[in-house]
C-alpha atoms as a PDB file:
ATOM      1  CA  MET A   1     -24.693 -22.475  46.841  1.00  0.00           C
ATOM      2  CA  GLU A   2     -26.849 -24.973  47.906  1.00  0.00           C
ATOM      3  CA  GLY A   3     -27.797 -28.429  48.021  1.00  0.00           C
ATOM      4  CA  GLY A   4     -25.671 -31.456  47.353  1.00  0.00           C
ATOM      5  CA  ALA A   5     -26.918 -31.843  43.697  1.00  0.00           C
ATOM      6  CA  GLY A   6     -25.338 -28.110  42.993  1.00  0.00           C
ATOM      7  CA  CYS A   7     -21.845 -28.715  44.366  1.00  0.00           C
ATOM      8  CA  ASP A   8     -21.775 -31.812  42.455  1.00  0.00           C
ATOM      9  CA  ASP A   9     -22.984 -29.818  38.834  1.00  0.00           C
ATOM     10  CA  LEU A  10     -20.021 -27.389  39.943  1.00  0.00           C
ATOM     11  CA  THR A  11     -17.035 -29.975  40.273  1.00  0.00           C
ATOM     12  CA  ALA A  12     -18.399 -32.546  37.669  1.00  0.00           C
ATOM     13  CA  TRP A  13     -15.464 -32.130  35.407  1.00  0.00           C
ATOM     14  CA  GLU A  14     -16.214 -32.854  31.231  1.00  0.00           C
ATOM     15  CA  LEU A  15     -14.398 -33.712  28.578  1.00  0.00           C
ATOM     16  CA  VAL A  16     -14.151 -30.159  25.384  1.00  0.00           C
ATOM     17  CA  PRO A  17     -13.641 -32.007  21.602  1.00  0.00           C
ATOM     18  CA  VAL A  18     -10.762 -29.952  20.131  1.00  0.00           C
ATOM     19  CA  TRP A  19      -8.661 -31.065  17.315  1.00  0.00           C
ATOM     20  CA  ARG A  20      -5.163 -31.344  18.873  1.00  0.00           C
ATOM     21  CA  CYS A  21      -3.180 -34.085  20.610  1.00  0.00           C
ATOM     22  CA  SER A  22      -3.955 -33.406  23.750  1.00  0.00           C
ATOM     23  CA  VAL A  23      -6.966 -33.875  25.856  1.00  0.00           C
ATOM     24  CA  VAL A  24      -9.310 -31.354  27.025  1.00  0.00           C
ATOM     25  CA  ARG A  25     -10.821 -30.988  30.426  1.00  0.00           C
ATOM     26  CA  ARG A  26     -13.141 -28.106  32.119  1.00  0.00           C
ATOM     27  CA  ARG A  27     -15.138 -28.338  35.487  1.00  0.00           C
ATOM     28  CA  PHE A  28     -17.095 -25.147  35.892  1.00  0.00           C
ATOM     29  CA  LEU A  29     -16.101 -23.271  39.342  1.00  0.00           C
ATOM     30  CA  GLU A  30     -19.352 -20.563  38.600  1.00  0.00           C
ATOM     31  CA  ARG A  31     -22.074 -20.409  37.291  1.00  0.00           C
ATOM     32  CA  GLY A  32     -23.306 -17.719  34.716  1.00  0.00           C
ATOM     33  CA  SER A  33     -26.657 -16.719  33.738  1.00  0.00           C
ATOM     34  CA  GLY A  34     -29.097 -16.954  31.052  1.00  0.00           C
ATOM     35  CA  ASP A  35     -29.171 -19.199  27.709  1.00  0.00           C
ATOM     36  CA  GLU A  36     -27.049 -17.813  25.654  1.00  0.00           C
ATOM     37  CA  THR A  37     -23.323 -19.316  24.619  1.00  0.00           C
ATOM     38  CA  PRO A  38     -21.275 -17.574  22.435  1.00  0.00           C
ATOM     39  CA  ARG A  39     -21.871 -18.690  18.361  1.00  0.00           C
ATOM     40  CA  GLY A  40     -19.693 -18.045  15.186  1.00  0.00           C
ATOM     41  CA  GLY A  41     -18.434 -14.584  14.897  1.00  0.00           C
ATOM     42  CA  SER A  42     -19.083 -14.084  18.761  1.00  0.00           C
ATOM     43  CA  VAL A  43     -16.855 -11.520  20.207  1.00  0.00           C
ATOM     44  CA  CYS A  44     -15.950 -12.570  24.091  1.00  0.00           C
ATOM     45  CA  ARG A  45     -14.225 -10.596  27.131  1.00  0.00           C
ATOM     46  CA  ILE A  46     -12.810 -13.345  28.687  1.00  0.00           C
ATOM     47  CA  LEU A  47      -9.725 -13.771  31.222  1.00  0.00           C
ATOM     48  CA  ILE A  48      -6.943 -16.248  31.251  1.00  0.00           C
ATOM     49  CA  GLU A  49      -5.452 -16.785  34.627  1.00  0.00           C
ATOM     50  CA  SER A  50      -2.438 -19.311  35.266  1.00  0.00           C
ATOM     51  CA  ASP A  51       1.646 -19.298  35.438  1.00  0.00           C
ATOM     52  CA  ALA A  52       2.374 -16.751  32.937  1.00  0.00           C
ATOM     53  CA  THR A  53       6.367 -18.285  33.227  1.00  0.00           C
ATOM     54  CA  ASP A  54       4.800 -22.117  32.376  1.00  0.00           C
ATOM     55  CA  PRO A  55       6.548 -22.617  28.778  1.00  0.00           C
ATOM     56  CA  LEU A  56       3.310 -24.213  27.902  1.00  0.00           C
ATOM     57  CA  CYS A  57       1.223 -20.942  28.086  1.00  0.00           C
ATOM     58  CA  SER A  58       2.992 -19.462  25.334  1.00  0.00           C
ATOM     59  CA  GLN A  59       3.089 -22.716  23.487  1.00  0.00           C
ATOM     60  CA  LEU A  60      -1.014 -23.250  23.611  1.00  0.00           C
ATOM     61  CA  LEU A  61      -2.051 -19.327  24.560  1.00  0.00           C
ATOM     62  CA  PRO A  62      -1.526 -16.900  22.312  1.00  0.00           C
ATOM     63  CA  TYR A  63      -3.476 -14.820  24.337  1.00  0.00           C
ATOM     64  CA  PRO A  64      -2.491 -11.823  27.522  1.00  0.00           C
ATOM     65  CA  ILE A  65      -2.010 -14.762  30.673  1.00  0.00           C
ATOM     66  CA  ASN A  66      -4.285 -13.071  33.861  1.00  0.00           C
ATOM     67  CA  HIS A  67      -5.088 -10.054  31.668  1.00  0.00           C
ATOM     68  CA  TRP A  68      -8.405  -9.356  30.065  1.00  0.00           C
ATOM     69  CA  THR A  69      -8.728  -9.654  26.353  1.00  0.00           C
ATOM     70  CA  LEU A  70     -10.829 -10.113  23.140  1.00  0.00           C
ATOM     71  CA  LEU A  71     -11.544 -13.469  21.330  1.00  0.00           C
ATOM     72  CA  THR A  72     -13.708 -13.792  18.240  1.00  0.00           C
ATOM     73  CA  MET A  73     -15.430 -17.558  17.653  1.00  0.00           C
ATOM     74  CA  GLY A  74     -14.503 -18.846  15.031  1.00  0.00           C
ATOM     75  CA  GLU A  75     -11.283 -16.534  14.126  1.00  0.00           C
ATOM     76  CA  GLY A  76      -8.830 -17.102  16.947  1.00  0.00           C
ATOM     77  CA  GLU A  77      -5.778 -18.764  16.854  1.00  0.00           C
ATOM     78  CA  CYS A  78      -6.203 -20.991  19.878  1.00  0.00           C
ATOM     79  CA  ASP A  79      -8.700 -23.941  19.380  1.00  0.00           C
ATOM     80  CA  ILE A  80      -8.262 -25.364  22.545  1.00  0.00           C
ATOM     81  CA  ILE A  81     -10.432 -21.916  24.005  1.00  0.00           C
ATOM     82  CA  GLU A  82     -12.517 -21.710  21.702  1.00  0.00           C
ATOM     83  CA  GLY A  83     -13.359 -25.613  22.316  1.00  0.00           C
ATOM     84  CA  VAL A  84     -13.754 -24.431  25.993  1.00  0.00           C
ATOM     85  CA  LEU A  85     -16.008 -21.345  25.434  1.00  0.00           C
ATOM     86  CA  GLU A  86     -18.298 -23.664  23.580  1.00  0.00           C
ATOM     87  CA  GLY A  87     -21.105 -23.845  26.051  1.00  0.00           C
ATOM     88  CA  MET A  88     -20.414 -21.269  28.610  1.00  0.00           C
ATOM     89  CA  ARG A  89     -22.610 -18.424  29.637  1.00  0.00           C
ATOM     90  CA  ALA A  90     -21.919 -14.967  30.301  1.00  0.00           C
ATOM     91  CA  GLY A  91     -20.158 -14.930  33.727  1.00  0.00           C
ATOM     92  CA  GLU A  92     -18.947 -18.147  34.081  1.00  0.00           C
ATOM     93  CA  ARG A  93     -15.512 -19.808  35.327  1.00  0.00           C
ATOM     94  CA  CYS A  94     -13.835 -23.073  34.509  1.00  0.00           C
ATOM     95  CA  GLU A  95     -11.009 -24.834  35.622  1.00  0.00           C
ATOM     96  CA  VAL A  96      -9.276 -26.282  32.480  1.00  0.00           C
ATOM     97  CA  VAL A  97      -6.540 -29.234  32.473  1.00  0.00           C
ATOM     98  CA  ILE A  98      -4.705 -29.890  29.055  1.00  0.00           C
ATOM     99  CA  SER A  99      -3.032 -33.356  29.329  1.00  0.00           C
ATOM    100  CA  ARG A 100      -0.444 -34.414  26.617  1.00  0.00           C
ATOM    101  CA  LEU A 101      -1.532 -37.863  24.838  1.00  0.00           C
ATOM    102  CA  GLU A 102       1.379 -39.782  25.618  1.00  0.00           C
ATOM    103  CA  SER A 103       2.078 -40.675  21.457  1.00  0.00           C
ATOM    104  CA  SER A 104       1.951 -37.166  21.224  1.00  0.00           C
ATOM    105  CA  PRO A 105       5.247 -34.807  20.476  1.00  0.00           C
ATOM    106  CA  CYS A 106       3.502 -31.440  20.484  1.00  0.00           C
ATOM    107  CA  LEU A 107       3.449 -31.197  24.441  1.00  0.00           C
ATOM    108  CA  GLN A 108       6.726 -31.219  26.246  1.00  0.00           C
ATOM    109  CA  THR A 109       5.464 -31.720  29.526  1.00  0.00           C
ATOM    110  CA  GLN A 110       1.967 -33.514  30.862  1.00  0.00           C
ATOM    111  CA  GLU A 111      -0.108 -30.993  31.435  1.00  0.00           C
ATOM    112  CA  LEU A 112      -1.281 -27.374  31.476  1.00  0.00           C
ATOM    113  CA  ARG A 113      -3.654 -25.563  34.267  1.00  0.00           C
ATOM    114  CA  LEU A 114      -5.546 -23.009  33.910  1.00  0.00           C
ATOM    115  CA  THR A 115      -8.736 -20.480  34.851  1.00  0.00           C
ATOM    116  CA  LEU A 116     -11.295 -19.614  31.937  1.00  0.00           C
ATOM    117  CA  GLN A 117     -13.569 -16.438  32.501  1.00  0.00           C
ATOM    118  CA  LEU A 118     -15.915 -15.314  30.514  1.00  0.00           C
ATOM    119  CA  HIS A 119     -16.854 -12.282  31.394  1.00  0.00           C
ATOM    120  CA  SER A 120     -19.736 -11.248  28.454  1.00  0.00           C
ATOM    121  CA  PHE A 121     -20.170 -11.524  24.893  1.00  0.00           C
ATOM    122  CA  THR A 122     -21.706  -9.977  21.365  1.00  0.00           C
ATOM    123  CA  PRO A 123     -24.625 -12.061  19.558  1.00  0.00           C
ATOM    124  CA  GLY A 124     -22.542 -13.690  16.907  1.00  0.00           C
ATOM    125  CA  ARG A 125     -24.134 -15.231  13.692  1.00  0.00           C
ATOM    126  CA  ASP A 126     -24.983 -19.038  12.626  1.00  0.00           C
ATOM    127  CA  SER A 127     -22.909 -19.643   9.039  1.00  0.00           C
ATOM    128  CA  TRP A 128     -26.884 -19.893   7.348  1.00  0.00           C
ATOM    129  CA  GLU A 129     -26.853 -15.713   8.960  1.00  0.00           C
ATOM    130  CA  LEU A 130     -23.512 -15.151   6.996  1.00  0.00           C
ATOM    131  CA  SER A 131     -24.119 -13.561   3.228  1.00  0.00           C
ATOM    132  CA  PHE A 132     -21.977 -14.172   0.773  1.00  0.00           C
ATOM    133  CA  ASP A 133     -18.506 -12.651   0.983  1.00  0.00           C
ATOM    134  CA  GLU A 134     -18.870 -12.498   4.489  1.00  0.00           C
ATOM    135  CA  LYS A 135     -18.146 -16.446   3.922  1.00  0.00           C
ATOM    136  CA  TRP A 136     -16.200 -16.325   1.762  1.00  0.00           C
ATOM    137  CA  GLY A 137     -13.994 -14.222   3.792  1.00  0.00           C
ATOM    138  CA  SER A 138     -14.204 -16.443   6.407  1.00  0.00           C
ATOM    139  CA  ILE A 139     -13.300 -19.659   3.874  1.00  0.00           C
ATOM    140  CA  ALA A 140      -9.759 -17.479   3.032  1.00  0.00           C
ATOM    141  CA  ARG A 141      -9.019 -17.178   6.744  1.00  0.00           C
ATOM    142  CA  HIS A 142      -9.563 -20.527   8.113  1.00  0.00           C
ATOM    143  CA  LYS A 143      -7.345 -21.447   4.587  1.00  0.00           C
ATOM    144  CA  GLN A 144      -4.794 -19.418   5.629  1.00  0.00           C
ATOM    145  CA  ARG A 145      -4.542 -20.220   9.383  1.00  0.00           C
ATOM    146  CA  GLY A 146      -4.677 -23.813   8.072  1.00  0.00           C
ATOM    147  CA  GLY A 147      -1.559 -22.871   6.191  1.00  0.00           C
ATOM    148  CA  ALA A 148       0.275 -21.507   9.107  1.00  0.00           C
ATOM    149  CA  ARG A 149      -0.631 -24.144  11.530  1.00  0.00           C
ATOM    150  CA  PHE A 150       0.949 -26.950   8.803  1.00  0.00           C
ATOM    151  CA  ARG A 151       4.042 -24.957   8.022  1.00  0.00           C
ATOM    152  CA  GLU A 152       4.223 -24.885  12.400  1.00  0.00           C
ATOM    153  CA  GLY A 153       3.787 -29.083  12.529  1.00  0.00           C
ATOM    154  CA  ASP A 154       0.317 -28.459  14.297  1.00  0.00           C
ATOM    155  CA  MET A 155      -1.440 -31.044  11.881  1.00  0.00           C
ATOM    156  CA  TRP A 156      -4.518 -31.422  14.226  1.00  0.00           C
ATOM    157  CA  GLY A 157      -4.600 -27.314  14.043  1.00  0.00           C
ATOM    158  CA  ALA A 158      -4.203 -27.362  10.322  1.00  0.00           C
ATOM    159  CA  ALA A 159      -6.732 -30.240   9.776  1.00  0.00           C
ATOM    160  CA  HIS A 160      -9.058 -27.979  11.577  1.00  0.00           C
ATOM    161  CA  ARG A 161      -9.053 -24.610   9.893  1.00  0.00           C
ATOM    162  CA  TYR A 162      -9.516 -26.718   6.877  1.00  0.00           C
ATOM    163  CA  SER A 163     -12.306 -28.891   8.057  1.00  0.00           C
ATOM    164  CA  LEU A 164     -14.370 -25.417   9.088  1.00  0.00           C
ATOM    165  CA  ALA A 165     -13.236 -23.837   5.969  1.00  0.00           C
ATOM    166  CA  THR A 166     -14.571 -26.854   3.420  1.00  0.00           C
ATOM    167  CA  ARG A 167     -17.743 -27.450   5.332  1.00  0.00           C
ATOM    168  CA  LEU A 168     -18.897 -23.393   4.918  1.00  0.00           C
ATOM    169  CA  ALA A 169     -17.362 -23.747   1.713  1.00  0.00           C
ATOM    170  CA  VAL A 170     -20.437 -26.377   0.983  1.00  0.00           C
ATOM    171  CA  THR A 171     -23.459 -23.703   1.940  1.00  0.00           C
ATOM    172  CA  LEU A 172     -21.882 -21.740  -0.684  1.00  0.00           C
ATOM    173  CA  GLN A 173     -22.085 -24.435  -4.027  1.00  0.00           C
ATOM    174  CA  ARG A 174     -25.975 -23.303  -4.964  1.00  0.00           C
ATOM    175  CA  VAL A 175     -25.205 -19.841  -4.553  1.00  0.00           C
ATOM    176  CA  VAL A 176     -21.758 -19.500  -6.407  1.00  0.00           C
ATOM    177  CA  PRO A 177     -22.088 -16.435  -8.666  1.00  0.00           C
ATOM    178  CA  THR A 178     -21.019 -17.486 -12.242  1.00  0.00           C
ATOM    179  CA  GLU A 179     -17.647 -15.671 -12.635  1.00  0.00           C
ATOM    180  CA  TRP A 180     -16.831 -17.162  -9.486  1.00  0.00           C
ATOM    181  CA  ASP A 181     -17.534 -20.840 -10.165  1.00  0.00           C
ATOM    182  CA  PRO A 182     -13.857 -21.436 -11.507  1.00  0.00           C
ATOM    183  CA  GLU A 183     -12.165 -19.854  -8.437  1.00  0.00           C
ATOM    184  CA  PHE A 184     -14.551 -21.395  -6.072  1.00  0.00           C
ATOM    185  CA  GLN A 185     -13.933 -24.990  -7.075  1.00  0.00           C
ATOM    186  CA  ARG A 186      -9.614 -24.151  -7.033  1.00  0.00           C
ATOM    187  CA  VAL A 187     -10.418 -23.263  -3.587  1.00  0.00           C
ATOM    188  CA  ARG A 188     -12.565 -26.128  -2.385  1.00  0.00           C
ATOM    189  CA  SER A 189     -10.143 -28.672  -4.262  1.00  0.00           C
ATOM    190  CA  GLU A 190      -7.229 -26.825  -2.410  1.00  0.00           C
ATOM    191  CA  LEU A 191      -9.239 -27.095   0.419  1.00  0.00           C
ATOM    192  CA  HIS A 192      -9.461 -30.650   0.440  1.00  0.00           C
ATOM    193  CA  ALA A 193      -5.734 -31.841  -0.902  1.00  0.00           C
ATOM    194  CA  ASN A 194      -4.435 -29.172   2.321  1.00  0.00           C
ATOM    195  CA  LEU A 195      -7.040 -31.505   4.186  1.00  0.00           C
ATOM    196  CA  ALA A 196      -5.618 -34.864   2.913  1.00  0.00           C
ATOM    197  CA  ALA A 197      -1.959 -33.908   3.548  1.00  0.00           C
ATOM    198  CA  CYS A 198      -2.628 -33.738   7.275  1.00  0.00           C
ATOM    199  CA  GLN A 199      -4.126 -36.461   7.323  1.00  0.00           C
ATOM    200  CA  LEU A 200      -1.641 -38.666   5.541  1.00  0.00           C
ATOM    201  CA  ARG A 201       0.710 -37.062   8.544  1.00  0.00           C
ATOM    202  CA  LEU A 202      -1.658 -37.972  11.115  1.00  0.00           C
ATOM    203  CA  GLY A 203      -1.765 -42.024   9.597  1.00  0.00           C
ATOM    204  CA  GLN A 204      -4.839 -41.480   8.446  1.00  0.00           C
ATOM    205  CA  PRO A 205      -4.448 -42.942   4.863  1.00  0.00           C
ATOM    206  CA  ARG A 206      -8.362 -43.666   4.301  1.00  0.00           C
ATOM    207  CA  ASN A 207      -8.988 -40.388   5.464  1.00  0.00           C
ATOM    208  CA  ALA A 208      -6.464 -39.163   3.293  1.00  0.00           C
ATOM    209  CA  LEU A 209      -7.814 -41.134   0.168  1.00  0.00           C
ATOM    210  CA  LEU A 210     -11.294 -39.800   0.892  1.00  0.00           C
ATOM    211  CA  SER A 211     -10.173 -36.069   1.033  1.00  0.00           C
ATOM    212  CA  ALA A 212      -8.189 -36.391  -2.363  1.00  0.00           C
ATOM    213  CA  THR A 213     -10.395 -38.268  -4.199  1.00  0.00           C
ATOM    214  CA  ARG A 214     -12.663 -35.104  -3.472  1.00  0.00           C
ATOM    215  CA  ALA A 215     -10.175 -32.872  -4.515  1.00  0.00           C
ATOM    216  CA  LEU A 216     -10.073 -34.810  -8.124  1.00  0.00           C
ATOM    217  CA  GLY A 217     -13.734 -34.632  -8.309  1.00  0.00           C
ATOM    218  CA  LEU A 218     -13.333 -30.722  -8.520  1.00  0.00           C
ATOM    219  CA  GLN A 219     -10.000 -30.611 -10.337  1.00  0.00           C
ATOM    220  CA  PRO A 220      -8.964 -33.621 -12.245  1.00  0.00           C
ATOM    221  CA  ARG A 221      -5.522 -32.053 -12.815  1.00  0.00           C
ATOM    222  CA  CYS A 222      -4.688 -31.449  -9.240  1.00  0.00           C
ATOM    223  CA  THR A 223      -1.436 -32.907  -9.107  1.00  0.00           C
ATOM    224  CA  LYS A 224      -1.322 -32.481  -5.251  1.00  0.00           C
ATOM    225  CA  ALA A 225      -4.764 -34.774  -4.815  1.00  0.00           C
ATOM    226  CA  LEU A 226      -3.378 -37.176  -6.511  1.00  0.00           C
ATOM    227  CA  TYR A 227       0.048 -37.350  -5.388  1.00  0.00           C
ATOM    228  CA  ARG A 228      -1.408 -37.459  -2.164  1.00  0.00           C
ATOM    229  CA  ARG A 229      -4.241 -39.728  -3.358  1.00  0.00           C
ATOM    230  CA  GLY A 230      -0.940 -42.374  -4.560  1.00  0.00           C
ATOM    231  CA  LEU A 231       0.577 -41.976  -0.962  1.00  0.00           C
ATOM    232  CA  ALA A 232      -2.492 -42.810   0.300  1.00  0.00           C
ATOM    233  CA  LEU A 233      -3.258 -45.985  -1.614  1.00  0.00           C
ATOM    234  CA  SER A 234       0.224 -46.640  -1.169  1.00  0.00           C
ATOM    235  CA  MET A 235      -0.179 -47.141   2.268  1.00  0.00           C
ATOM    236  CA  LEU A 236      -3.471 -49.307   2.317  1.00  0.00           C
ATOM    237  CA  GLY A 237      -1.510 -51.861  -0.210  1.00  0.00           C
ATOM    238  CA  GLU A 238      -3.373 -50.769  -3.032  1.00  0.00           C
ATOM    239  CA  PHE A 239      -0.514 -50.467  -5.188  1.00  0.00           C
ATOM    240  CA  LYS A 240      -1.726 -50.700  -8.819  1.00  0.00           C
ATOM    241  CA  GLN A 241      -4.066 -47.808  -8.174  1.00  0.00           C
ATOM    242  CA  ALA A 242      -1.446 -45.943  -6.480  1.00  0.00           C
ATOM    243  CA  ARG A 243       1.269 -46.365  -9.343  1.00  0.00           C
ATOM    244  CA  ALA A 244      -1.649 -45.136 -11.640  1.00  0.00           C
ATOM    245  CA  ASP A 245      -2.148 -41.904  -9.570  1.00  0.00           C
ATOM    246  CA  LEU A 246       1.780 -41.377  -9.268  1.00  0.00           C
ATOM    247  CA  ARG A 247       2.169 -42.106 -13.348  1.00  0.00           C
ATOM    248  CA  ARG A 248      -0.664 -39.279 -13.877  1.00  0.00           C
ATOM    249  CA  VAL A 249       1.139 -36.531 -12.093  1.00  0.00           C
ATOM    250  CA  LEU A 250       4.542 -37.377 -13.542  1.00  0.00           C
ATOM    251  CA  GLU A 251       2.632 -36.558 -16.940  1.00  0.00           C
ATOM    252  CA  LEU A 252       1.484 -33.447 -15.909  1.00  0.00           C
ATOM    253  CA  GLU A 253       4.306 -32.566 -13.996  1.00  0.00           C
ATOM    254  CA  PRO A 254       7.513 -34.698 -16.077  1.00  0.00           C
ATOM    255  CA  ALA A 255       9.645 -32.955 -13.415  1.00  0.00           C
ATOM    256  CA  SER A 256       8.196 -33.643  -9.861  1.00  0.00           C
ATOM    257  CA  LYS A 257      10.583 -35.245  -7.739  1.00  0.00           C
ATOM    258  CA  PRO A 258       8.077 -36.284  -4.900  1.00  0.00           C
ATOM    259  CA  ALA A 259       6.005 -38.177  -7.323  1.00  0.00           C
ATOM    260  CA  LEU A 260       9.754 -40.455  -8.738  1.00  0.00           C
ATOM    261  CA  GLN A 261      10.540 -40.982  -5.190  1.00  0.00           C
ATOM    262  CA  ALA A 262       7.014 -42.042  -4.239  1.00  0.00           C
ATOM    263  CA  LEU A 263       6.919 -44.267  -6.863  1.00  0.00           C
ATOM    264  CA  ARG A 264      10.672 -45.570  -6.433  1.00  0.00           C
ATOM    265  CA  ASP A 265       9.751 -46.184  -2.838  1.00  0.00           C
ATOM    266  CA  LEU A 266       6.307 -48.034  -3.693  1.00  0.00           C
ATOM    267  CA  GLU A 267       8.659 -50.643  -6.500  1.00  0.00           C
ATOM    268  CA  ARG A 268      10.583 -50.898  -3.053  1.00  0.00           C
ATOM    269  CA  ARG A 269       7.676 -52.021  -1.309  1.00  0.00           C
ATOM    270  CA  GLU A 270       6.206 -54.426  -3.909  1.00  0.00           C
ATOM    271  CA  ARG A 271       9.786 -56.164  -4.061  1.00  0.00           C
ATOM    272  CA  GLU A 272       9.904 -56.807  -1.042  1.00  0.00           C
ATOM    273  CA  GLN A 273       6.282 -58.017  -0.590  1.00  0.00           C
ATOM    274  CA  GLY A 274       6.825 -60.082  -3.178  1.00  0.00           C
ATOM    275  CA  GLY A 275       9.627 -61.134  -1.575  1.00  0.00           C
ATOM    276  CA  GLN A 276       7.964 -62.388   1.614  1.00  0.00           C
ATOM    277  CA  LEU A 277       5.320 -64.110  -0.065  1.00  0.00           C
ATOM    278  CA  ALA A 278       7.578 -66.191  -2.222  1.00  0.00           C
ATOM    279  CA  ARG A 279       9.407 -67.649   0.966  1.00  0.00           C
ATOM    280  CA  ALA A 280       6.437 -68.064   2.642  1.00  0.00           C
ATOM    281  CA  MET A 281       5.078 -70.040  -0.175  1.00  0.00           C
ATOM    282  CA  SER A 282       8.272 -71.953  -0.642  1.00  0.00           C
ATOM    283  CA  LYS A 283       7.577 -72.868   3.271  1.00  0.00           C
ATOM    284  CA  LEU A 284       3.858 -74.181   2.509  1.00  0.00           C
ATOM    285  CA  PHE A 285       5.334 -76.546  -0.350  1.00  0.00           C
ATOM    286  CA  ASN A 286       8.297 -77.771   1.817  1.00  0.00           C
END
């Protein structure tokens, strides 16, 4: 390595954007060659080096530690490692620090340190190069993995998978065979409704409102989307609209216990708000 500029280039920390409840930083320890970097579908040969006894390794990294392994970009089980690999070139090695957000329940300790080496990778393809069947298969896998992440309590990971699937589905809108259209619209609606569920859990009612509305634009009778939009509207204080959505759920599914409970909670919040307003007005005029 020659010159101070080169040293600075190798040791500068940079943030890695990931859909998780943590902050990920990397800095390059060894530079590679060439201009190509991994893309969707690239099969990467990687080496993750860390303390294999650290419980965070098994919690965050579903790959062998201190052994070479293969990872397919866009199809892996770890958004963190895929995020770090983006922009890396063959032969590069970097140090990675995964830090816990103060408000995050996902990580039990403050940080995990590791090194990641990218030996080589296959070219991969951008989404516009994929066939209809390949895209449809990828959408199904993202949806399945999003569901698995949701059940594990990883709302950021689930939202990431559902978002990838919805973006990929947009590229298929004009090429869906006529006989596939009903199923295609149903799956798109489910993806948006599932994304709304993640956003509600993450405390993002405005985003959840938008996602649920998109789901209903595709499937107006989707009770999951109606229910989640009702919850989002209630969180935003839009009680009248929330009540309309929740009552619509009960029209379609009279035995829906979640909708009944949400309607009771909504009525309780309205009474509390009305009482607060009455007390405020009383103080004003007295």
